[in-house]
Protein backbone atom coordinates (compact mmCIF):
# COMPACT_ATOMS: atom_id res chain seq x y z
CA MET A 1 -12.87 -24.75 5.07
CA THR A 2 -15.47 -23.27 2.55
CA THR A 3 -14.81 -20.07 1.49
CA TRP A 4 -17.05 -17.28 -0.13
CA TYR A 5 -14.49 -16.44 -2.68
CA PRO A 6 -13.55 -19.47 -4.74
CA LEU A 7 -10.03 -20.22 -5.60
CA VAL A 8 -9.26 -19.17 -9.20
CA MET A 9 -6.73 -21.40 -10.42
CA GLY A 10 -4.77 -21.33 -14.06
CA ARG A 11 -1.38 -22.01 -15.95
CA GLU A 12 -1.21 -19.23 -17.88
CA ALA A 13 -2.29 -16.17 -16.61
CA MET A 14 -3.26 -14.30 -12.60
CA VAL A 15 -4.19 -11.11 -11.37
CA ALA A 16 -5.80 -9.89 -8.19
CA THR A 17 -7.23 -6.48 -7.66
CA GLU A 18 -9.31 -4.04 -5.68
CA HIS A 19 -11.67 -3.89 -8.07
CA TYR A 20 -13.28 -5.97 -10.99
CA LEU A 21 -13.02 -3.70 -13.77
CA SER A 22 -9.32 -3.52 -12.75
CA ALA A 23 -9.12 -6.91 -13.11
CA ALA A 24 -10.63 -7.22 -16.25
CA ALA A 25 -8.20 -4.63 -17.63
CA GLY A 26 -5.05 -6.84 -16.61
CA ALA A 27 -6.96 -10.24 -18.32
CA ARG A 28 -7.31 -8.04 -21.67
CA ILE A 29 -3.41 -7.28 -21.28
CA PHE A 30 -2.49 -11.08 -20.78
CA ALA A 31 -5.41 -11.72 -23.61
CA LYS A 32 -2.84 -9.39 -25.95
CA GLY A 33 0.46 -11.44 -24.96
CA GLY A 34 1.63 -9.22 -22.48
CA ASN A 35 2.82 -10.05 -19.13
CA ALA A 36 2.51 -10.09 -15.29
CA ILE A 37 4.49 -6.52 -15.36
CA ASP A 38 2.26 -5.67 -18.15
CA ALA A 39 -1.38 -6.66 -17.07
CA ALA A 40 -0.07 -5.10 -13.60
CA VAL A 41 0.56 -1.93 -14.45
CA ALA A 42 -2.51 -1.60 -16.92
CA ALA A 43 -4.86 -2.56 -13.73
CA THR A 44 -2.64 -0.24 -11.17
CA LEU A 45 -3.47 3.17 -14.04
CA VAL A 46 -6.95 1.33 -13.94
CA GLU A 47 -7.25 1.38 -10.11
CA GLY A 48 -6.49 4.91 -10.56
CA VAL A 49 -9.65 5.45 -12.24
CA VAL A 50 -11.77 3.63 -10.83
CA ASN A 51 -11.42 3.94 -6.42
CA PRO A 52 -9.86 7.83 -6.11
CA HIS A 53 -11.03 7.51 -2.91
CA MET A 54 -8.30 5.04 -2.57
CA HIS A 55 -5.15 5.76 -5.19
CA THR A 56 -4.72 8.17 -8.21
CA ILE A 57 -2.01 8.51 -10.62
CA GLY A 58 -0.64 11.34 -8.20
CA GLY A 59 -0.12 9.56 -5.67
CA GLU A 60 2.67 6.89 -4.91
CA ALA A 61 3.26 2.93 -6.05
CA PRO A 62 6.12 0.66 -4.41
CA MET A 63 6.43 -2.31 -5.63
CA LEU A 64 8.57 -5.77 -5.98
CA ILE A 65 8.91 -7.97 -9.06
CA TYR A 66 10.32 -10.98 -9.37
CA ALA A 67 11.48 -11.02 -12.72
CA ALA A 68 11.63 -14.25 -14.70
CA ASP A 69 14.41 -13.78 -17.32
CA ALA A 70 16.91 -12.27 -14.61
CA ARG A 71 15.35 -15.30 -11.69
CA ARG A 72 15.61 -12.32 -9.17
CA VAL A 73 13.52 -10.16 -7.30
CA ILE A 74 13.61 -6.48 -7.94
CA ALA A 75 12.21 -3.70 -5.65
CA ILE A 76 11.12 -0.35 -7.31
CA ASN A 77 11.21 2.61 -4.74
CA GLY A 78 7.84 4.17 -6.46
CA ASN A 79 7.98 6.74 -2.89
CA MET A 80 7.68 10.22 -3.39
CA THR A 81 10.36 12.93 -2.47
CA ALA A 82 9.86 16.20 -0.64
CA PRO A 83 10.32 19.49 -2.16
CA ALA A 84 13.60 21.36 -1.57
CA ARG A 85 11.06 24.40 0.17
CA ALA A 86 9.80 21.91 2.53
CA THR A 87 11.94 22.33 5.50
CA ILE A 88 10.81 22.28 9.01
CA ALA A 89 11.77 25.54 9.77
CA HIS A 90 9.09 26.71 7.20
CA TYR A 91 6.30 24.53 8.47
CA ARG A 92 6.99 26.24 12.05
CA GLY A 93 6.98 29.52 11.00
CA LEU A 94 3.55 29.05 9.69
CA GLY A 95 2.99 28.21 13.00
CA LEU A 96 2.95 23.90 12.94
CA LYS A 97 3.32 21.45 14.86
CA LEU A 98 2.83 18.93 12.01
CA VAL A 99 2.47 18.30 8.84
CA PRO A 100 -0.92 18.81 7.63
CA GLY A 101 -2.98 15.66 7.12
CA GLU A 102 -4.19 16.78 3.72
CA GLY A 103 -4.15 19.66 0.88
CA LEU A 104 -1.14 20.93 -0.50
CA LEU A 105 1.75 21.45 2.00
CA ALA A 106 1.12 17.24 2.22
CA ALA A 107 2.27 17.28 -1.61
CA GLY A 108 5.50 15.84 -2.48
CA VAL A 109 6.46 15.33 -6.07
CA PRO A 110 4.20 12.63 -7.31
CA ALA A 111 5.89 9.51 -7.82
CA ALA A 112 3.09 6.65 -8.99
CA PHE A 113 3.52 7.22 -12.24
CA ASP A 114 7.05 7.57 -12.95
CA ALA A 115 7.55 3.67 -11.01
CA LEU A 116 4.71 2.58 -13.35
CA ALA A 117 6.94 3.74 -16.68
CA VAL A 118 9.86 2.54 -15.00
CA ALA A 119 8.05 -0.95 -14.08
CA LEU A 120 7.14 -1.13 -17.94
CA LYS A 121 9.77 0.29 -19.57
CA THR A 122 12.21 -2.53 -17.88
CA PHE A 123 10.37 -5.68 -16.70
CA GLY A 124 7.31 -4.87 -19.83
CA THR A 125 7.26 -6.03 -22.65
CA MET A 126 4.07 -3.53 -24.37
CA THR A 127 4.34 0.22 -25.31
CA LEU A 128 2.71 3.07 -22.54
CA ALA A 129 -0.31 3.41 -25.00
CA GLU A 130 -1.03 -0.13 -24.86
CA VAL A 131 -1.30 -0.13 -21.20
CA ALA A 132 -2.93 2.88 -20.78
CA ALA A 133 -5.74 1.80 -23.09
CA PRO A 134 -8.15 0.26 -20.93
CA ALA A 135 -8.20 3.03 -17.99
CA THR A 136 -7.82 6.19 -20.84
CA ALA A 137 -11.33 3.91 -22.68
CA LEU A 138 -12.67 4.14 -18.53
CA CYS A 139 -12.45 7.98 -18.12
CA ALA A 140 -13.65 8.90 -21.79
CA ASP A 141 -16.44 6.35 -22.28
CA GLY A 142 -17.01 6.66 -18.43
CA PHE A 143 -17.75 3.42 -15.36
CA PRO A 144 -20.44 2.72 -13.39
CA MET A 145 -19.96 4.57 -9.72
CA HIS A 146 -19.79 1.71 -7.31
CA HIS A 147 -21.04 2.13 -3.41
CA GLY A 148 -17.66 2.42 -1.58
CA LEU A 149 -16.64 5.53 -4.12
CA ALA A 150 -20.08 7.17 -3.14
CA GLY A 151 -21.04 6.39 0.02
CA ASP A 152 -24.96 5.90 -0.77
CA GLY A 153 -27.22 3.19 -0.62
CA GLU A 154 -27.58 0.76 2.43
CA THR A 155 -24.55 0.18 4.51
CA PRO A 156 -24.71 -3.57 6.29
CA LYS A 157 -25.66 -2.03 10.51
CA ASP A 158 -22.71 -3.50 11.75
CA LEU A 159 -20.29 -1.73 9.13
CA SER A 160 -21.68 1.73 9.25
CA GLY A 161 -19.00 3.44 11.36
CA LEU A 162 -16.30 1.78 9.75
CA ILE A 163 -16.74 2.72 6.23
CA GLY A 164 -17.26 5.89 4.30
CA HIS A 165 -14.82 7.76 5.61
CA ALA A 166 -13.32 8.30 2.25
CA SER A 167 -16.22 8.34 -0.45
CA ILE A 168 -17.71 11.35 -2.06
CA ARG A 169 -20.52 11.81 0.28
CA ALA A 170 -18.26 11.80 3.09
CA ASN A 171 -16.59 14.57 1.59
CA ALA A 172 -19.38 16.20 -0.56
CA LYS A 173 -19.11 19.71 2.36
CA LYS A 174 -15.44 20.09 1.58
CA PHE A 175 -16.10 19.58 -1.97
CA ARG A 176 -18.46 22.15 -2.39
CA ASP A 177 -16.99 24.70 0.31
CA GLN A 178 -13.21 24.32 -0.54
CA TRP A 179 -12.70 22.53 -3.55
CA PRO A 180 -14.89 23.32 -6.40
CA THR A 181 -12.70 21.04 -8.87
CA SER A 182 -13.18 18.08 -7.01
CA ALA A 183 -17.27 18.79 -7.00
CA ALA A 184 -16.91 19.72 -10.29
CA LEU A 185 -15.23 16.17 -11.38
CA TYR A 186 -17.08 13.81 -8.85
CA MET A 187 -20.11 15.82 -8.06
CA PRO A 188 -22.25 16.78 -11.07
CA GLY A 189 -25.03 18.89 -10.91
CA GLY A 190 -23.30 19.71 -6.97
CA GLU A 191 -24.97 16.39 -5.95
CA VAL A 192 -23.47 13.27 -4.78
CA PRO A 193 -23.81 10.97 -7.68
CA HIS A 194 -25.14 6.96 -7.00
CA THR A 195 -24.00 3.69 -7.46
CA GLY A 196 -24.30 2.79 -10.52
CA GLN A 197 -24.48 6.36 -12.26
CA ILE A 198 -21.83 6.93 -14.82
CA VAL A 199 -19.25 8.93 -13.97
CA LYS A 200 -16.57 10.48 -17.01
CA ASN A 201 -13.08 12.39 -16.63
CA PRO A 202 -12.23 13.33 -19.65
CA ALA A 203 -9.41 16.01 -18.36
CA LEU A 204 -7.82 12.60 -16.99
CA ALA A 205 -8.36 10.69 -20.63
CA LYS A 206 -6.34 13.91 -22.05
CA PHE A 207 -3.73 13.33 -19.70
CA PHE A 208 -3.06 9.96 -20.70
CA GLU A 209 -3.30 10.80 -24.48
CA ARG A 210 -0.79 13.85 -23.89
CA LEU A 211 1.48 11.00 -21.78
CA VAL A 212 0.70 8.56 -25.51
CA GLU A 213 1.50 11.50 -27.89
CA ALA A 214 5.10 12.24 -26.50
CA GLU A 215 5.22 8.03 -26.24
CA ALA A 216 4.36 8.29 -29.97
CA ALA A 217 6.80 10.70 -30.84
CA ALA A 218 9.83 9.25 -30.09
CA ARG A 219 8.77 5.50 -31.24
CA ASN A 220 11.47 5.59 -33.68
CA ARG A 221 14.05 5.92 -30.71
CA GLY A 222 12.84 2.20 -29.31
CA ARG A 223 10.34 0.95 -26.61
CA GLU A 224 12.09 2.30 -23.66
CA ALA A 225 13.12 5.57 -24.83
CA ALA A 226 9.32 6.08 -26.27
CA ILE A 227 8.29 5.87 -22.66
CA ASP A 228 11.40 7.58 -21.54
CA ALA A 229 9.76 10.23 -23.66
CA ALA A 230 6.41 9.84 -21.78
CA ARG A 231 8.00 10.60 -18.29
CA GLU A 232 9.69 13.87 -19.60
CA ARG A 233 6.44 15.48 -20.57
CA PHE A 234 5.28 14.11 -17.34
CA TYR A 235 7.97 14.91 -15.25
CA ARG A 236 9.88 17.94 -17.08
CA GLY A 237 7.16 19.00 -19.74
CA ASP A 238 4.03 20.63 -20.16
CA ILE A 239 2.43 18.35 -17.44
CA ALA A 240 5.06 19.19 -14.80
CA ARG A 241 4.26 23.12 -15.08
CA GLU A 242 1.20 22.75 -14.90
CA ILE A 243 1.81 20.59 -11.57
CA VAL A 244 4.10 23.19 -10.38
CA ALA A 245 1.20 26.08 -11.63
CA TRP A 246 -1.88 24.54 -9.76
CA SER A 247 0.49 23.44 -6.31
CA ASP A 248 1.61 27.39 -6.17
CA ALA A 249 -1.97 28.44 -6.81
CA GLN A 250 -2.75 26.55 -3.65
CA GLY A 251 -0.37 27.40 -1.61
CA GLY A 252 2.23 24.24 -1.94
CA LEU A 253 6.02 23.92 -2.38
CA LEU A 254 6.57 22.14 -5.22
CA ALA A 255 8.62 23.94 -7.59
CA SER A 256 10.06 22.72 -11.16
CA GLY A 257 12.83 21.19 -10.09
CA ASP A 258 11.65 19.53 -7.57
CA LEU A 259 10.52 17.36 -10.58
CA ALA A 260 12.84 17.39 -12.83
CA ALA A 261 15.29 15.90 -10.28
CA PHE A 262 12.89 12.58 -9.67
CA THR A 263 14.16 9.93 -10.43
CA THR A 264 12.86 6.28 -9.06
CA ARG A 265 15.26 4.29 -7.71
CA ILE A 266 15.31 0.23 -8.66
CA GLU A 267 17.06 -1.71 -5.52
CA SER A 268 17.86 -4.87 -3.79
CA PRO A 269 14.64 -5.89 -1.71
CA VAL A 270 15.59 -6.84 2.14
CA THR A 271 14.88 -10.36 2.82
CA ALA A 272 14.36 -13.12 5.86
CA ASP A 273 13.79 -16.79 5.68
CA TYR A 274 11.45 -18.26 7.39
CA ARG A 275 10.51 -22.03 7.33
CA GLY A 276 12.59 -22.55 3.58
CA VAL A 277 10.64 -19.82 2.29
CA THR A 278 12.64 -16.23 1.56
CA VAL A 279 10.23 -13.32 2.31
CA HIS A 280 11.75 -10.40 -0.11
CA LYS A 281 10.35 -6.23 1.38
CA CYS A 282 10.53 -3.36 0.12
CA GLY A 283 13.70 -1.15 2.40
CA PRO A 284 12.92 0.88 5.07
CA TRP A 285 11.78 3.95 3.94
CA SER A 286 8.97 1.69 3.66
CA GLN A 287 7.73 -0.13 6.30
CA GLY A 288 8.76 -3.95 4.97
CA PRO A 289 11.06 -4.61 7.00
CA VAL A 290 8.76 -5.40 9.84
CA PHE A 291 7.90 -7.93 8.74
CA LEU A 292 10.08 -9.42 8.97
CA GLN A 293 11.14 -8.82 11.70
CA GLN A 294 8.40 -10.20 12.93
CA LEU A 295 9.12 -13.39 11.83
CA ARG A 296 12.43 -13.53 12.93
CA LEU A 297 10.66 -13.22 16.39
CA LEU A 298 8.22 -15.73 15.88
CA GLU A 299 10.24 -18.31 13.99
CA GLY A 300 11.24 -19.11 17.97
CA PHE A 301 7.53 -20.52 18.69
CA ASP A 302 5.79 -23.53 17.33
CA LEU A 303 2.71 -21.58 16.25
CA ARG A 304 1.15 -24.66 14.90
CA ALA A 305 0.88 -26.24 17.80
CA MET A 306 -1.08 -23.13 19.67
CA GLY A 307 -3.55 -23.45 17.70
CA HIS A 308 -4.84 -21.06 14.54
CA ASN A 309 -6.22 -18.35 16.66
CA SER A 310 -6.02 -19.56 19.68
CA ALA A 311 -5.24 -17.06 22.46
CA ASP A 312 -1.89 -18.15 22.83
CA TYR A 313 -1.20 -17.43 19.00
CA ILE A 314 -2.76 -14.20 18.94
CA HIS A 315 -1.21 -13.14 22.34
CA SER A 316 1.97 -14.22 20.26
CA LEU A 317 1.72 -12.49 17.42
CA VAL A 318 0.53 -9.41 18.74
CA GLU A 319 3.34 -8.96 21.11
CA ALA A 320 6.00 -9.63 18.47
CA ALA A 321 4.42 -6.80 16.86
CA LYS A 322 4.87 -4.38 19.17
CA LEU A 323 8.25 -4.81 19.25
CA ALA A 324 8.83 -4.36 15.79
CA PHE A 325 6.43 -1.36 15.14
CA ALA A 326 8.58 0.13 18.06
CA ASP A 327 11.89 -0.52 16.22
CA ARG A 328 10.01 0.80 12.94
CA GLU A 329 9.44 3.93 14.81
CA GLN A 330 12.97 4.68 16.63
CA TYR A 331 15.05 3.36 13.02
CA TYR A 332 13.14 3.49 10.16
CA GLY A 333 13.18 6.17 7.00
CA ASP A 334 14.83 7.07 4.21
CA PRO A 335 18.79 5.51 3.87
CA GLU A 336 19.51 7.85 1.40
CA PHE A 337 19.39 10.61 4.41
CA THR A 338 18.90 8.42 7.74
CA PRO A 339 21.72 5.57 8.47
CA VAL A 340 19.38 2.55 9.04
CA PRO A 341 20.64 -0.52 10.85
CA ILE A 342 18.92 -3.23 9.16
CA GLU A 343 21.39 -5.44 9.31
CA GLY A 344 20.98 -5.60 13.20
CA LEU A 345 17.58 -5.37 13.52
CA LEU A 346 17.31 -8.54 11.74
CA SER A 347 20.16 -10.67 13.36
CA ALA A 348 19.41 -13.90 15.42
CA ARG A 349 20.93 -11.93 17.87
CA TYR A 350 18.80 -9.18 18.09
CA THR A 351 16.18 -10.97 17.58
CA ALA A 352 16.71 -13.44 20.68
CA ILE A 353 17.25 -10.95 22.92
CA ARG A 354 13.97 -9.12 21.79
CA ARG A 355 11.61 -12.42 21.86
CA ALA A 356 13.08 -12.83 25.56
CA LEU A 357 10.76 -9.95 26.42
CA ILE A 358 7.43 -11.26 25.60
CA ASP A 359 5.43 -12.51 28.19
CA PRO A 360 3.52 -15.37 27.01
CA ARG A 361 0.75 -14.17 29.94
CA ARG A 362 0.45 -10.66 30.32
CA ALA A 363 0.32 -7.99 27.36
CA ALA A 364 2.39 -5.27 27.11
CA LEU A 365 1.64 -1.69 27.52
CA GLU A 366 5.02 0.16 27.27
CA GLN A 367 6.64 1.20 23.45
CA ARG A 368 9.89 -0.38 23.77
CA PRO A 369 11.71 0.22 21.07
CA GLY A 370 15.50 -1.85 21.37
CA ASP A 371 19.27 -1.21 20.66
CA PRO A 372 20.11 -3.22 17.42
CA ILE A 373 23.52 -1.35 17.21
CA ASN A 374 24.66 -2.41 20.35
CA TYR A 375 22.11 -5.81 20.62
CA ARG A 376 20.43 -4.73 23.92
CA ALA A 377 16.83 -5.44 24.38
CA LEU A 378 15.37 -2.26 24.76
CA LEU A 379 17.14 1.29 24.13
CA ASP A 380 18.38 3.47 27.18
CA ARG A 381 16.80 6.33 26.00
CA PRO A 382 12.57 6.77 25.74
CA ALA A 383 11.46 6.42 22.27
CA GLY A 384 9.53 9.70 22.62
CA GLU A 385 5.75 10.46 23.12
CA PRO A 386 3.24 8.17 21.34
CA ARG A 387 2.06 10.01 18.17
CA SER A 388 -5.28 6.66 12.65
CA TRP A 389 -5.35 4.60 9.49
CA GLY A 390 -5.06 6.68 6.33
CA PRO A 391 -7.69 7.33 3.98
CA GLY A 392 -6.86 4.06 1.37
CA THR A 393 -4.69 2.28 -0.56
CA ILE A 394 -5.07 0.09 -3.49
CA HIS A 395 -2.81 -3.74 -4.05
CA VAL A 396 -2.58 -4.98 -7.73
CA THR A 397 -1.24 -8.45 -7.73
CA ALA A 398 -0.08 -10.27 -11.19
CA ALA A 399 1.68 -13.86 -12.28
CA ASP A 400 2.12 -15.42 -15.51
CA GLY A 401 3.51 -19.05 -16.58
CA ARG A 402 6.74 -17.96 -16.87
CA GLY A 403 7.34 -17.26 -13.32
CA ASN A 404 7.17 -12.99 -13.34
CA LEU A 405 5.55 -11.90 -9.82
CA ILE A 406 4.14 -8.01 -9.35
CA ALA A 407 2.97 -6.94 -6.34
CA VAL A 408 1.96 -3.45 -6.55
CA THR A 409 0.73 -1.46 -3.45
CA ALA A 410 -0.09 1.92 -4.48
CA SER A 411 -1.35 4.97 -2.48
CA GLY A 412 -1.62 8.62 -2.35
CA GLY A 413 -3.50 11.48 -4.15
CA TRP A 414 -6.16 10.39 -2.60
CA ILE A 415 -9.71 12.53 -3.76
CA PRO A 416 -10.18 13.04 0.06
CA SER A 417 -6.85 14.42 0.59
CA SER A 418 -6.15 17.00 -1.90
CA PRO A 419 -8.07 18.64 -4.68
CA VAL A 420 -8.81 17.83 -8.43
CA ILE A 421 -6.18 19.23 -11.05
CA GLU A 422 -8.53 20.98 -13.30
CA SER A 423 -6.62 20.01 -16.32
CA LEU A 424 -5.29 16.87 -15.11
CA GLY A 425 -7.95 14.93 -13.79
CA PHE A 426 -6.27 13.95 -10.36
CA PRO A 427 -5.34 15.33 -7.26
CA LEU A 428 -1.79 15.22 -5.94
CA GLY A 429 -0.86 13.23 -2.49
CA SER A 430 0.05 14.09 0.75
CA ARG A 431 2.06 11.65 1.99
CA MET A 432 4.29 14.28 3.39
CA GLN A 433 1.91 14.43 6.31
CA THR A 434 3.83 11.03 7.66
CA PHE A 435 7.13 12.89 8.70
CA TYR A 436 7.93 14.52 11.64
CA LEU A 437 8.85 18.03 12.38
CA ASP A 438 11.42 16.79 15.19
CA GLU A 439 15.20 16.64 14.05
CA ALA A 440 15.99 13.63 16.18
CA HIS A 441 13.15 11.78 14.57
CA ALA A 442 14.52 8.67 12.04
CA ASN A 443 11.62 9.88 9.72
CA THR A 444 11.98 13.39 10.29
CA LEU A 445 11.40 16.00 7.57
CA ARG A 446 13.76 17.17 4.90
CA PRO A 447 13.92 18.19 1.09
CA GLY A 448 14.28 15.83 -1.20
CA LYS A 449 13.74 12.86 1.39
CA ARG A 450 11.18 9.93 1.08
CA PRO A 451 9.06 9.73 3.56
CA ARG A 452 8.80 6.67 5.51
CA THR A 453 5.63 5.20 3.64
CA THR A 454 3.10 1.96 5.18
CA LEU A 455 3.44 0.48 1.50
CA THR A 456 4.45 -2.56 1.79
CA PRO A 457 4.14 -5.35 -0.87
CA SER A 458 5.62 -8.67 -0.37
CA ILE A 459 7.33 -11.63 -2.92
CA ALA A 460 8.35 -14.65 -0.93
CA THR A 461 10.31 -17.17 -2.89
CA ARG A 462 11.50 -21.48 -2.55
CA ASP A 463 14.77 -22.63 -3.22
CA GLY A 464 14.84 -19.82 -5.74
CA GLU A 465 11.90 -19.81 -7.21
CA PRO A 466 8.85 -17.45 -7.43
CA TRP A 467 6.65 -18.62 -5.04
CA LEU A 468 4.46 -15.73 -3.55
CA ALA A 469 3.15 -12.05 -4.33
CA PHE A 470 1.26 -10.51 -1.49
CA GLY A 471 -0.43 -7.73 -0.58
CA THR A 472 -3.21 -5.24 1.64
CA PRO A 473 -4.46 -1.69 1.68
CA GLY A 474 -4.48 -1.05 5.25
CA GLY A 475 -1.43 1.96 6.46
CA ASP A 476 -0.28 0.55 9.50
CA GLN A 477 -2.29 -2.41 9.44
CA GLN A 478 -1.04 -3.91 6.24
CA ASP A 479 2.26 -5.96 7.45
CA GLN A 480 -0.02 -7.44 10.32
CA TRP A 481 -2.89 -9.03 7.78
CA THR A 482 -0.39 -10.04 5.50
CA LEU A 483 1.42 -11.90 8.11
CA GLN A 484 -1.49 -13.32 9.24
CA PHE A 485 -2.23 -14.33 5.55
CA PHE A 486 1.34 -16.20 5.02
CA LEU A 487 1.10 -17.99 8.30
CA ASN A 488 -1.64 -19.40 7.38
CA LEU A 489 -0.11 -20.96 4.20
CA ILE A 490 3.67 -21.47 6.20
CA ASP A 491 2.06 -23.14 9.55
CA PHE A 492 -1.90 -24.17 8.96
CA GLY A 493 -1.47 -25.57 5.36
CA MET A 494 -4.37 -23.10 4.07
CA SER A 495 -5.15 -22.58 0.26
CA VAL A 496 -4.64 -18.75 -0.89
CA GLN A 497 -8.29 -18.43 -0.64
CA GLU A 498 -8.78 -20.25 2.85
CA ALA A 499 -5.72 -18.11 3.87
CA ILE A 500 -6.98 -14.55 2.86
CA GLU A 501 -11.15 -15.38 4.67
CA ALA A 502 -9.61 -16.31 7.96
CA PRO A 503 -10.39 -14.61 11.18
CA ARG A 504 -7.81 -11.43 11.29
CA PHE A 505 -6.78 -9.27 14.19
CA SER A 506 -4.46 -6.10 14.35
CA SER A 507 -2.77 -4.07 17.39
CA ALA A 508 -3.55 -0.07 17.40
CA HIS A 509 -0.75 -0.25 19.89
CA PHE A 510 1.93 1.60 18.50
CA PRO A 511 2.40 5.38 16.51
CA SER A 512 0.11 5.56 13.54
CA THR A 513 2.36 6.72 10.52
CA PHE A 514 -0.68 8.89 9.95
CA TYR A 515 -1.26 12.31 10.68
CA PRO A 516 -1.53 13.42 13.91
CA HIS A 517 0.37 9.79 14.52
CA ASN A 518 -2.01 8.68 17.59
CA ALA A 519 -1.06 5.16 19.34
CA ARG A 520 -3.56 3.37 21.77
CA PRO A 521 -1.82 1.88 23.86
CA GLY A 522 -2.94 -2.11 24.56
CA VAL A 523 -5.74 -1.78 21.83
CA LEU A 524 -6.49 -5.59 19.87
CA ARG A 525 -8.92 -5.17 17.64
CA LEU A 526 -10.50 -8.79 16.39
CA GLU A 527 -13.02 -10.29 14.12
CA GLU A 528 -16.00 -11.33 16.02
CA ARG A 529 -15.59 -14.76 14.12
CA ILE A 530 -13.14 -14.91 17.11
CA ASP A 531 -14.05 -17.44 19.58
CA ALA A 532 -16.15 -15.46 22.60
CA ASP A 533 -13.74 -17.83 24.64
CA VAL A 534 -10.66 -16.73 23.07
CA ARG A 535 -11.21 -13.14 23.16
CA ALA A 536 -11.84 -13.57 26.97
CA GLU A 537 -8.78 -14.86 28.06
CA LEU A 538 -6.74 -12.27 25.64
CA ALA A 539 -8.63 -9.36 27.66
CA ALA A 540 -7.27 -11.52 30.94
CA ARG A 541 -4.18 -11.20 29.65
CA GLY A 542 -4.32 -7.18 29.58
CA HIS A 543 -5.00 -6.39 25.92
CA GLN A 544 -8.17 -3.71 25.41
CA VAL A 545 -10.10 -5.64 23.38
CA GLU A 546 -12.28 -4.42 20.42
CA THR A 547 -14.51 -7.00 18.89
CA ARG A 548 -15.08 -5.40 15.11
CA PRO A 549 -17.58 -6.73 12.68
CA PRO A 550 -16.99 -10.30 11.10
CA TRP A 551 -15.70 -8.75 7.91
CA CYS A 552 -13.42 -6.23 8.66
CA GLU A 553 -9.60 -6.72 8.87
CA GLY A 554 -8.52 -6.16 5.77
CA HIS A 555 -8.25 -6.61 1.50
CA VAL A 556 -5.74 -9.09 1.50
CA LEU A 557 -4.94 -10.42 -2.70
CA GLY A 558 -2.60 -13.50 -3.06
CA ILE A 559 -1.36 -15.13 -6.12
CA ARG A 560 0.60 -18.46 -5.53
CA PHE A 561 3.01 -20.20 -7.93
CA ASP A 562 4.02 -23.62 -7.90
CA SER A 563 6.90 -23.80 -10.45
CA ALA A 564 7.02 -27.24 -10.94
CA ARG A 565 3.47 -27.95 -12.37
CA ARG A 566 3.46 -23.84 -13.40
CA LEU A 567 0.07 -24.06 -11.39
CA LEU A 568 -1.00 -20.48 -10.96
CA GLU A 569 -3.26 -19.47 -7.41
CA GLY A 570 -5.08 -16.52 -6.91
CA GLY A 571 -7.17 -15.22 -4.36
CA ALA A 572 -9.48 -11.96 -3.62
CA ASP A 573 -10.76 -10.27 -0.31
CA PRO A 574 -14.54 -10.48 0.17
CA ARG A 575 -14.10 -8.63 3.09
CA GLY A 576 -13.99 -5.41 0.76
CA GLN A 577 -18.00 -6.77 -1.05
CA MET A 578 -19.39 -7.31 2.25
CA ALA A 579 -18.22 -4.10 3.92
CA VAL A 580 -19.61 -2.64 0.38
CA VAL A 581 -16.50 -0.68 -0.26
CA MET A 582 -13.94 -2.03 -2.94
CA PRO A 583 -15.39 -5.02 -4.61
CA ALA A 584 -12.13 -6.93 -5.31
CA GLN A 585 -11.76 -10.19 -8.21
CA ALA A 586 -9.04 -12.49 -8.72
CA ILE A 587 -9.04 -13.57 -12.77
CA GLY A 588 -7.04 -16.26 -13.97
CA TRP A 589 -6.42 -19.31 -16.84
């Protein structure tokens, strides 16, 4: 199969990101002797500079790491926590039925920096100063504005309704009228910048320099302690005080104690085997296990015999997704606060009785959670009322010839969802919008609780050896798009780049994670490259088919590692470039 982007191959280093400048940053770190974790941290910091409509350091950064020295996969819980004052009673007292989708009432403790610092300290080899240098330079010297951030220029006609909602142009009125600090930074002279215009962020450059100063002052205590000193300054020092002061001024709920108490958890991943491959995902504070539930359901079908993107194949994947995501809505939440029956959800017994609910000829239109505790196919009580995609996310994947793999799916702190903190150069996240103000819901709001997030990086191993790191932006669609990528590799023998570029689809059937938590029962979105007869057959089976532009479903990135040959294969998604949203790039040698 001919691909738009080449399959990038190498033996020493590989990085794939959503922007070529972040990929270049990762490559420079590799060239200076860093490992995959060093490169990924540097690339993620740059993503927060060049794609601030998708992620900034004020957001979150869940990740999975295959640590070659330890020969195991580790999950880093890079998710934010709710402030102590964030109670259901507080929001109800404001007359709210949902946590707002933007602004400081949706802001929790920013988690991305701590998660990246923990990864660097524990599994990297370089200093914070070294990995932050590319991002700092881009802030100080400036970078050329790209179309996806500016929202200007010529948009392909068939994509005009699908992109730009997070761009500066789309948010210009809000910036001018409500968020003057955002306007001052991203709309110099009051005008929307054009593609190619140089954008600087001196406050963010100074923020990085302050962190590096803290690290340098503690250098005599060793690399790890010096990184901890930077974390201390962020969460308990002058930076924390500035964040709290900003939150107070904007009507937010953060207090100094919330930041001081924050810690990043290093956890064991949740796993499932599929046709000789073990897939590792973050726990049920993310939607990661829904990928595994889909795999367990689909292992009972001969997908290859159905034919790639045939009506039977797409129908089977979509119906499995409906069952898995219904369980996500019913059971997933922060396991520190909510007991999640993960063993039952992934058990062979439960999977078999759930798989029997899939009608090969009819699309289900109901939300149907099961009962993994009592091993029943359907839950007796209704799942509750069904409750759009979030503004954006980025993904960074890196690998090295020693076998280190890392997948970082970072998001939050989007500039369309919260005003920029003037002295720091980034906004706070709005991830608390994913909580429910319903005491009975698994993802109900509680002080100190981590909201269930859509952020869901992936790593796969074969016989205990590192094999694949992958992920995508895309909210609730992430574990649908990456599932198709994964099956393209396993069941259809595609290369990494072929698996990325193959036509994709997604279901909007289940409640959205994001405000206002709406669902569109039965809706199936298919890229128009999928055969018209297949689309017609799916409609005949009851799917509410929406034909979408040919390159619009996701921005998957992946790196595969062949340990026997010490061969790295990297791929990036051309969809971002074709939609003129994010110019993804893979670099390796």
